[in-house]
Amino acid sequence: TGAVVDAQRKAYDANAAGDGAPETVFTSIVELRAMLSRFAGVSIARENCDHLTLRGRTLVPRKLLLGTLGRSVGLDLYASATK
């Protein structure tokens, strides 16, 4: 349903006003590289992560993980491509 899809988009990507992203695509780096294969230069960066929890307890807050774990195993992929 539309409300469920919008809630899922907001959970993963929302702007400052709380509006969900117009589209969220779940893909891998390999698939993204294939989509951008016709571009001369492609750069893909991982970013974002959730807090680290164990048995419902937060061990490391998300804010501390963004600059470290988020960059190596991040949930979001950001691509820059040049023709």
PDB file of N, CA and C in Angstrom:
ATOM      1  N   THR A   1       0.829  -1.187   0.000  1.00  0.00           N
ATOM      2  CA  THR A   1       0.000   0.000   0.000  1.00  0.00           C
ATOM      3  C   THR A   1       0.871   1.247   0.000  1.00  0.00           C
ATOM      4  N   GLY A   2       0.303   2.361  -0.430  1.00  0.00           N
ATOM      5  CA  GLY A   2       1.043   3.611  -0.538  1.00  0.00           C
ATOM      6  C   GLY A   2       1.582   4.118   0.785  1.00  0.00           C
ATOM      7  N   ALA A   3       0.795   4.018   1.861  1.00  0.00           N
ATOM      8  CA  ALA A   3       1.235   4.518   3.165  1.00  0.00           C
ATOM      9  C   ALA A   3       2.412   3.725   3.707  1.00  0.00           C
ATOM     10  N   VAL A   4       2.406   2.421   3.486  1.00  0.00           N
ATOM     11  CA  VAL A   4       3.500   1.570   3.955  1.00  0.00           C
ATOM     12  C   VAL A   4       4.770   1.892   3.198  1.00  0.00           C
ATOM     13  N   VAL A   5       4.679   2.036   1.875  1.00  0.00           N
ATOM     14  CA  VAL A   5       5.847   2.354   1.058  1.00  0.00           C
ATOM     15  C   VAL A   5       6.421   3.705   1.465  1.00  0.00           C
ATOM     16  N   ASP A   6       5.565   4.714   1.681  1.00  0.00           N
ATOM     17  CA  ASP A   6       6.029   6.032   2.091  1.00  0.00           C
ATOM     18  C   ASP A   6       6.715   5.957   3.450  1.00  0.00           C
ATOM     19  N   ALA A   7       6.183   5.191   4.371  1.00  0.00           N
ATOM     20  CA  ALA A   7       6.796   5.039   5.699  1.00  0.00           C
ATOM     21  C   ALA A   7       8.170   4.375   5.585  1.00  0.00           C
ATOM     22  N   GLN A   8       8.302   3.401   4.691  1.00  0.00           N
ATOM     23  CA  GLN A   8       9.594   2.746   4.490  1.00  0.00           C
ATOM     24  C   GLN A   8      10.606   3.725   3.911  1.00  0.00           C
ATOM     25  N   ARG A   9      10.190   4.538   2.961  1.00  0.00           N
ATOM     26  CA  ARG A   9      11.095   5.540   2.384  1.00  0.00           C
ATOM     27  C   ARG A   9      11.550   6.528   3.447  1.00  0.00           C
ATOM     28  N   LYS A  10      10.616   6.990   4.277  1.00  0.00           N
ATOM     29  CA  LYS A  10      10.962   7.932   5.343  1.00  0.00           C
ATOM     30  C   LYS A  10      11.932   7.315   6.339  1.00  0.00           C
ATOM     31  N   ALA A  11      11.791   6.031   6.588  1.00  0.00           N
ATOM     32  CA  ALA A  11      12.672   5.363   7.551  1.00  0.00           C
ATOM     33  C   ALA A  11      14.111   5.357   7.069  1.00  0.00           C
ATOM     34  N   TYR A  12      14.314   5.309   5.761  1.00  0.00           N
ATOM     35  CA  TYR A  12      15.667   5.230   5.212  1.00  0.00           C
ATOM     36  C   TYR A  12      16.191   6.559   4.696  1.00  0.00           C
ATOM     37  N   ASP A  13      15.307   7.453   4.273  1.00  0.00           N
ATOM     38  CA  ASP A  13      15.769   8.696   3.676  1.00  0.00           C
ATOM     39  C   ASP A  13      14.659   9.732   3.753  1.00  0.00           C
ATOM     40  N   ALA A  14      14.892  10.793   4.519  1.00  0.00           N
ATOM     41  CA  ALA A  14      13.909  11.871   4.635  1.00  0.00           C
ATOM     42  C   ALA A  14      14.643  13.203   4.656  1.00  0.00           C
ATOM     43  N   ASN A  15      13.961  14.245   4.184  1.00  0.00           N
ATOM     44  CA  ASN A  15      14.556  15.576   4.226  1.00  0.00           C
ATOM     45  C   ASN A  15      14.262  16.235   5.576  1.00  0.00           C
ATOM     46  N   ALA A  16      14.697  17.473   5.739  1.00  0.00           N
ATOM     47  CA  ALA A  16      14.530  18.177   7.015  1.00  0.00           C
ATOM     48  C   ALA A  16      13.065  18.369   7.382  1.00  0.00           C
ATOM     49  N   ALA A  17      12.195  18.422   6.382  1.00  0.00           N
ATOM     50  CA  ALA A  17      10.759  18.589   6.644  1.00  0.00           C
ATOM     51  C   ALA A  17      10.079  17.266   6.996  1.00  0.00           C
ATOM     52  N   GLY A  18      10.833  16.158   6.905  1.00  0.00           N
ATOM     53  CA  GLY A  18      10.270  14.853   7.230  1.00  0.00           C
ATOM     54  C   GLY A  18       9.630  14.136   6.063  1.00  0.00           C
ATOM     55  N   ASP A  19       9.749  14.703   4.864  1.00  0.00           N
ATOM     56  CA  ASP A  19       9.204  14.066   3.666  1.00  0.00           C
ATOM     57  C   ASP A  19      10.130  12.939   3.211  1.00  0.00           C
ATOM     58  N   GLY A  20       9.525  11.814   2.863  1.00  0.00           N
ATOM     59  CA  GLY A  20      10.308  10.687   2.374  1.00  0.00           C
ATOM     60  C   GLY A  20      10.868  10.949   0.987  1.00  0.00           C
ATOM     61  N   ALA A  21      11.954  10.256   0.666  1.00  0.00           N
ATOM     62  CA  ALA A  21      12.560  10.375  -0.661  1.00  0.00           C
ATOM     63  C   ALA A  21      11.544   9.973  -1.721  1.00  0.00           C
ATOM     64  N   PRO A  22      11.577  10.621  -2.903  1.00  0.00           N
ATOM     65  CA  PRO A  22      10.612  10.258  -3.938  1.00  0.00           C
ATOM     66  C   PRO A  22      10.788   8.821  -4.420  1.00  0.00           C
ATOM     67  N   GLU A  23      12.008   8.309  -4.302  1.00  0.00           N
ATOM     68  CA  GLU A  23      12.253   6.924  -4.695  1.00  0.00           C
ATOM     69  C   GLU A  23      13.447   6.389  -3.919  1.00  0.00           C
ATOM     70  N   THR A  24      13.326   5.182  -3.442  1.00  0.00           N
ATOM     71  CA  THR A  24      14.427   4.489  -2.779  1.00  0.00           C
ATOM     72  C   THR A  24      14.625   3.183  -3.512  1.00  0.00           C
ATOM     73  N   VAL A  25      15.854   2.919  -3.921  1.00  0.00           N
ATOM     74  CA  VAL A  25      16.169   1.694  -4.651  1.00  0.00           C
ATOM     75  C   VAL A  25      17.185   0.904  -3.840  1.00  0.00           C
ATOM     76  N   PHE A  26      16.902  -0.342  -3.611  1.00  0.00           N
ATOM     77  CA  PHE A  26      17.831  -1.206  -2.897  1.00  0.00           C
ATOM     78  C   PHE A  26      18.660  -1.949  -3.927  1.00  0.00           C
ATOM     79  N   THR A  27      19.973  -1.735  -3.897  1.00  0.00           N
ATOM     80  CA  THR A  27      20.871  -2.328  -4.881  1.00  0.00           C
ATOM     81  C   THR A  27      22.241  -2.544  -4.257  1.00  0.00           C
ATOM     82  N   SER A  28      23.085  -3.250  -4.951  1.00  0.00           N
ATOM     83  CA  SER A  28      24.454  -3.474  -4.481  1.00  0.00           C
ATOM     84  C   SER A  28      25.408  -2.579  -5.265  1.00  0.00           C
ATOM     85  N   ILE A  29      26.644  -2.484  -4.803  1.00  0.00           N
ATOM     86  CA  ILE A  29      27.652  -1.706  -5.529  1.00  0.00           C
ATOM     87  C   ILE A  29      27.868  -2.296  -6.917  1.00  0.00           C
ATOM     88  N   VAL A  30      27.890  -3.604  -7.028  1.00  0.00           N
ATOM     89  CA  VAL A  30      28.084  -4.262  -8.327  1.00  0.00           C
ATOM     90  C   VAL A  30      26.953  -3.870  -9.283  1.00  0.00           C
ATOM     91  N   GLU A  31      25.722  -3.916  -8.810  1.00  0.00           N
ATOM     92  CA  GLU A  31      24.585  -3.548  -9.654  1.00  0.00           C
ATOM     93  C   GLU A  31      24.619  -2.065 -10.028  1.00  0.00           C
ATOM     94  N   LEU A  32      24.999  -1.217  -9.065  1.00  0.00           N
ATOM     95  CA  LEU A  32      25.080   0.215  -9.342  1.00  0.00           C
ATOM     96  C   LEU A  32      26.168   0.516 -10.364  1.00  0.00           C
ATOM     97  N   ARG A  33      27.321  -0.133 -10.228  1.00  0.00           N
ATOM     98  CA  ARG A  33      28.392   0.045 -11.221  1.00  0.00           C
ATOM     99  C   ARG A  33      27.922  -0.378 -12.611  1.00  0.00           C
ATOM    100  N   ALA A  34      27.169  -1.472 -12.690  1.00  0.00           N
ATOM    101  CA  ALA A  34      26.642  -1.929 -13.983  1.00  0.00           C
ATOM    102  C   ALA A  34      25.681  -0.890 -14.566  1.00  0.00           C
ATOM    103  N   MET A  35      24.847  -0.277 -13.719  1.00  0.00           N
ATOM    104  CA  MET A  35      23.920   0.749 -14.186  1.00  0.00           C
ATOM    105  C   MET A  35      24.660   1.965 -14.748  1.00  0.00           C
ATOM    106  N   LEU A  36      25.834   2.244 -14.185  1.00  0.00           N
ATOM    107  CA  LEU A  36      26.600   3.426 -14.576  1.00  0.00           C
ATOM    108  C   LEU A  36      27.762   3.096 -15.507  1.00  0.00           C
ATOM    109  N   SER A  37      27.744   1.920 -16.083  1.00  0.00           N
ATOM    110  CA  SER A  37      28.882   1.443 -16.881  1.00  0.00           C
ATOM    111  C   SER A  37      29.171   2.290 -18.121  1.00  0.00           C
ATOM    112  N   ARG A  38      28.214   3.044 -18.607  1.00  0.00           N
ATOM    113  CA  ARG A  38      28.429   3.856 -19.805  1.00  0.00           C
ATOM    114  C   ARG A  38      29.082   5.199 -19.486  1.00  0.00           C
ATOM    115  N   PHE A  39      29.299   5.481 -18.223  1.00  0.00           N
ATOM    116  CA  PHE A  39      29.964   6.722 -17.823  1.00  0.00           C
ATOM    117  C   PHE A  39      31.467   6.497 -17.772  1.00  0.00           C
ATOM    118  N   ALA A  40      32.235   7.555 -18.065  1.00  0.00           N
ATOM    119  CA  ALA A  40      33.695   7.453 -18.091  1.00  0.00           C
ATOM    120  C   ALA A  40      34.279   7.317 -16.686  1.00  0.00           C
ATOM    121  N   GLY A  41      33.737   8.054 -15.759  1.00  0.00           N
ATOM    122  CA  GLY A  41      34.236   8.008 -14.394  1.00  0.00           C
ATOM    123  C   GLY A  41      33.112   7.774 -13.417  1.00  0.00           C
ATOM    124  N   VAL A  42      33.305   6.853 -12.507  1.00  0.00           N
ATOM    125  CA  VAL A  42      32.287   6.550 -11.510  1.00  0.00           C
ATOM    126  C   VAL A  42      32.950   6.455 -10.139  1.00  0.00           C
ATOM    127  N   SER A  43      32.376   7.142  -9.184  1.00  0.00           N
ATOM    128  CA  SER A  43      32.840   7.079  -7.802  1.00  0.00           C
ATOM    129  C   SER A  43      31.640   6.711  -6.936  1.00  0.00           C
ATOM    130  N   ILE A  44      31.799   5.697  -6.099  1.00  0.00           N
ATOM    131  CA  ILE A  44      30.706   5.263  -5.228  1.00  0.00           C
ATOM    132  C   ILE A  44      31.216   5.267  -3.786  1.00  0.00           C
ATOM    133  N   ALA A  45      30.459   5.910  -2.918  1.00  0.00           N
ATOM    134  CA  ALA A  45      30.832   5.978  -1.505  1.00  0.00           C
ATOM    135  C   ALA A  45      29.722   5.386  -0.653  1.00  0.00           C
ATOM    136  N   ARG A  46      30.121   4.661   0.370  1.00  0.00           N
ATOM    137  CA  ARG A  46      29.164   4.140   1.357  1.00  0.00           C
ATOM    138  C   ARG A  46      29.067   5.146   2.491  1.00  0.00           C
ATOM    139  N   GLU A  47      27.860   5.339   2.975  1.00  0.00           N
ATOM    140  CA  GLU A  47      27.636   6.221   4.117  1.00  0.00           C
ATOM    141  C   GLU A  47      26.451   5.705   4.906  1.00  0.00           C
ATOM    142  N   ASN A  48      26.353   6.179   6.129  1.00  0.00           N
ATOM    143  CA  ASN A  48      25.209   5.923   6.999  1.00  0.00           C
ATOM    144  C   ASN A  48      25.293   4.562   7.689  1.00  0.00           C
ATOM    145  N   CYS A  49      24.712   4.469   8.831  1.00  0.00           N
ATOM    146  CA  CYS A  49      24.597   3.217   9.573  1.00  0.00           C
ATOM    147  C   CYS A  49      23.622   3.424  10.728  1.00  0.00           C
ATOM    148  N   ASP A  50      23.165   2.353  11.284  1.00  0.00           N
ATOM    149  CA  ASP A  50      22.311   2.395  12.468  1.00  0.00           C
ATOM    150  C   ASP A  50      23.185   2.243  13.704  1.00  0.00           C
ATOM    151  N   HIS A  51      22.622   2.537  14.858  1.00  0.00           N
ATOM    152  CA  HIS A  51      23.386   2.347  16.085  1.00  0.00           C
ATOM    153  C   HIS A  51      23.637   0.852  16.321  1.00  0.00           C
ATOM    154  N   LEU A  52      24.679   0.537  17.035  1.00  0.00           N
ATOM    155  CA  LEU A  52      25.041  -0.849  17.325  1.00  0.00           C
ATOM    156  C   LEU A  52      24.341  -1.274  18.608  1.00  0.00           C
ATOM    157  N   THR A  53      23.518  -2.313  18.496  1.00  0.00           N
ATOM    158  CA  THR A  53      22.760  -2.771  19.655  1.00  0.00           C
ATOM    159  C   THR A  53      23.017  -4.240  19.928  1.00  0.00           C
ATOM    160  N   LEU A  54      22.800  -4.621  21.154  1.00  0.00           N
ATOM    161  CA  LEU A  54      22.874  -6.019  21.574  1.00  0.00           C
ATOM    162  C   LEU A  54      21.753  -6.247  22.565  1.00  0.00           C
ATOM    163  N   ARG A  55      20.864  -7.172  22.219  1.00  0.00           N
ATOM    164  CA  ARG A  55      19.713  -7.501  23.077  1.00  0.00           C
ATOM    165  C   ARG A  55      18.894  -6.270  23.440  1.00  0.00           C
ATOM    166  N   GLY A  56      18.687  -5.397  22.454  1.00  0.00           N
ATOM    167  CA  GLY A  56      17.865  -4.218  22.652  1.00  0.00           C
ATOM    168  C   GLY A  56      18.547  -3.055  23.335  1.00  0.00           C
ATOM    169  N   ARG A  57      19.829  -3.210  23.648  1.00  0.00           N
ATOM    170  CA  ARG A  57      20.579  -2.140  24.325  1.00  0.00           C
ATOM    171  C   ARG A  57      21.549  -1.496  23.355  1.00  0.00           C
ATOM    172  N   THR A  58      21.566  -0.172  23.289  1.00  0.00           N
ATOM    173  CA  THR A  58      22.488   0.529  22.410  1.00  0.00           C
ATOM    174  C   THR A  58      23.883   0.505  23.014  1.00  0.00           C
ATOM    175  N   LEU A  59      24.822  -0.115  22.276  1.00  0.00           N
ATOM    176  CA  LEU A  59      26.208  -0.173  22.727  1.00  0.00           C
ATOM    177  C   LEU A  59      27.008   1.020  22.204  1.00  0.00           C
ATOM    178  N   VAL A  60      26.790   1.350  20.924  1.00  0.00           N
ATOM    179  CA  VAL A  60      27.467   2.497  20.316  1.00  0.00           C
ATOM    180  C   VAL A  60      26.418   3.289  19.545  1.00  0.00           C
ATOM    181  N   PRO A  61      26.242   4.580  19.875  1.00  0.00           N
ATOM    182  CA  PRO A  61      25.240   5.379  19.179  1.00  0.00           C
ATOM    183  C   PRO A  61      25.624   5.629  17.717  1.00  0.00           C
ATOM    184  N   ARG A  62      24.615   5.787  16.898  1.00  0.00           N
ATOM    185  CA  ARG A  62      24.774   6.005  15.464  1.00  0.00           C
ATOM    186  C   ARG A  62      25.733   7.161  15.167  1.00  0.00           C
ATOM    187  N   LYS A  63      25.606   8.244  15.920  1.00  0.00           N
ATOM    188  CA  LYS A  63      26.426   9.441  15.693  1.00  0.00           C
ATOM    189  C   LYS A  63      27.918   9.123  15.723  1.00  0.00           C
ATOM    190  N   LEU A  64      28.331   8.226  16.597  1.00  0.00           N
ATOM    191  CA  LEU A  64      29.752   7.866  16.693  1.00  0.00           C
ATOM    192  C   LEU A  64      30.196   6.930  15.572  1.00  0.00           C
ATOM    193  N   LEU A  65      29.263   6.210  14.967  1.00  0.00           N
ATOM    194  CA  LEU A  65      29.607   5.246  13.929  1.00  0.00           C
ATOM    195  C   LEU A  65      29.622   5.826  12.516  1.00  0.00           C
ATOM    196  N   LEU A  66      28.978   6.970  12.314  1.00  0.00           N
ATOM    197  CA  LEU A  66      28.836   7.514  10.968  1.00  0.00           C
ATOM    198  C   LEU A  66      30.174   7.750  10.272  1.00  0.00           C
ATOM    199  N   GLY A  67      31.151   8.284  10.970  1.00  0.00           N
ATOM    200  CA  GLY A  67      32.444   8.591  10.356  1.00  0.00           C
ATOM    201  C   GLY A  67      33.378   7.409  10.235  1.00  0.00           C
ATOM    202  N   THR A  68      33.057   6.308  10.871  1.00  0.00           N
ATOM    203  CA  THR A  68      33.946   5.146  10.832  1.00  0.00           C
ATOM    204  C   THR A  68      33.260   3.967  10.153  1.00  0.00           C
ATOM    205  N   LEU A  69      32.424   3.285  10.868  1.00  0.00           N
ATOM    206  CA  LEU A  69      31.736   2.111  10.344  1.00  0.00           C
ATOM    207  C   LEU A  69      30.839   2.464   9.162  1.00  0.00           C
ATOM    208  N   GLY A  70      30.209   3.622   9.225  1.00  0.00           N
ATOM    209  CA  GLY A  70      29.327   4.058   8.146  1.00  0.00           C
ATOM    210  C   GLY A  70      30.035   4.179   6.811  1.00  0.00           C
ATOM    211  N   ARG A  71      31.307   4.559   6.838  1.00  0.00           N
ATOM    212  CA  ARG A  71      32.073   4.718   5.592  1.00  0.00           C
ATOM    213  C   ARG A  71      32.585   3.402   5.026  1.00  0.00           C
ATOM    214  N   SER A  72      32.644   2.377   5.843  1.00  0.00           N
ATOM    215  CA  SER A  72      33.150   1.099   5.325  1.00  0.00           C
ATOM    216  C   SER A  72      32.041   0.096   5.028  1.00  0.00           C
ATOM    217  N   VAL A  73      30.981   0.086   5.810  1.00  0.00           N
ATOM    218  CA  VAL A  73      29.886  -0.856   5.576  1.00  0.00           C
ATOM    219  C   VAL A  73      28.541  -0.140   5.619  1.00  0.00           C
ATOM    220  N   GLY A  74      28.524   1.102   5.150  1.00  0.00           N
ATOM    221  CA  GLY A  74      27.334   1.937   5.229  1.00  0.00           C
ATOM    222  C   GLY A  74      26.114   1.363   4.533  1.00  0.00           C
ATOM    223  N   LEU A  75      24.960   1.820   4.966  1.00  0.00           N
ATOM    224  CA  LEU A  75      23.681   1.381   4.423  1.00  0.00           C
ATOM    225  C   LEU A  75      23.321   2.075   3.116  1.00  0.00           C
ATOM    226  N   ASP A  76      23.872   3.268   2.885  1.00  0.00           N
ATOM    227  CA  ASP A  76      23.530   4.064   1.712  1.00  0.00           C
ATOM    228  C   ASP A  76      24.713   4.130   0.753  1.00  0.00           C
ATOM    229  N   LEU A  77      24.417   4.133  -0.532  1.00  0.00           N
ATOM    230  CA  LEU A  77      25.429   4.292  -1.570  1.00  0.00           C
ATOM    231  C   LEU A  77      25.191   5.630  -2.256  1.00  0.00           C
ATOM    232  N   TYR A  78      26.250   6.419  -2.368  1.00  0.00           N
ATOM    233  CA  TYR A  78      26.175   7.695  -3.068  1.00  0.00           C
ATOM    234  C   TYR A  78      27.114   7.612  -4.258  1.00  0.00           C
ATOM    235  N   ALA A  79      26.570   7.879  -5.441  1.00  0.00           N
ATOM    236  CA  ALA A  79      27.356   7.763  -6.669  1.00  0.00           C
ATOM    237  C   ALA A  79      27.524   9.111  -7.336  1.00  0.00           C
ATOM    238  N   SER A  80      28.694   9.279  -7.915  1.00  0.00           N
ATOM    239  CA  SER A  80      28.988  10.437  -8.737  1.00  0.00           C
ATOM    240  C   SER A  80      29.531   9.888 -10.050  1.00  0.00           C
ATOM    241  N   ALA A  81      28.956  10.336 -11.164  1.00  0.00           N
ATOM    242  CA  ALA A  81      29.378   9.820 -12.464  1.00  0.00           C
ATOM    243  C   ALA A  81      29.630  10.960 -13.427  1.00  0.00           C
ATOM    244  N   THR A  82      30.664  10.822 -14.241  1.00  0.00           N
ATOM    245  CA  THR A  82      30.987  11.822 -15.252  1.00  0.00           C
ATOM    246  C   THR A  82      30.996  11.155 -16.623  1.00  0.00           C
ATOM    247  N   LYS A  83      30.543  11.899 -17.616  1.00  0.00           N
ATOM    248  CA  LYS A  83      30.497  11.387 -18.987  1.00  0.00           C
ATOM    249  C   LYS A  83      31.866  11.409 -19.603  1.00  0.00           C
TER     250      LYS A  83
END
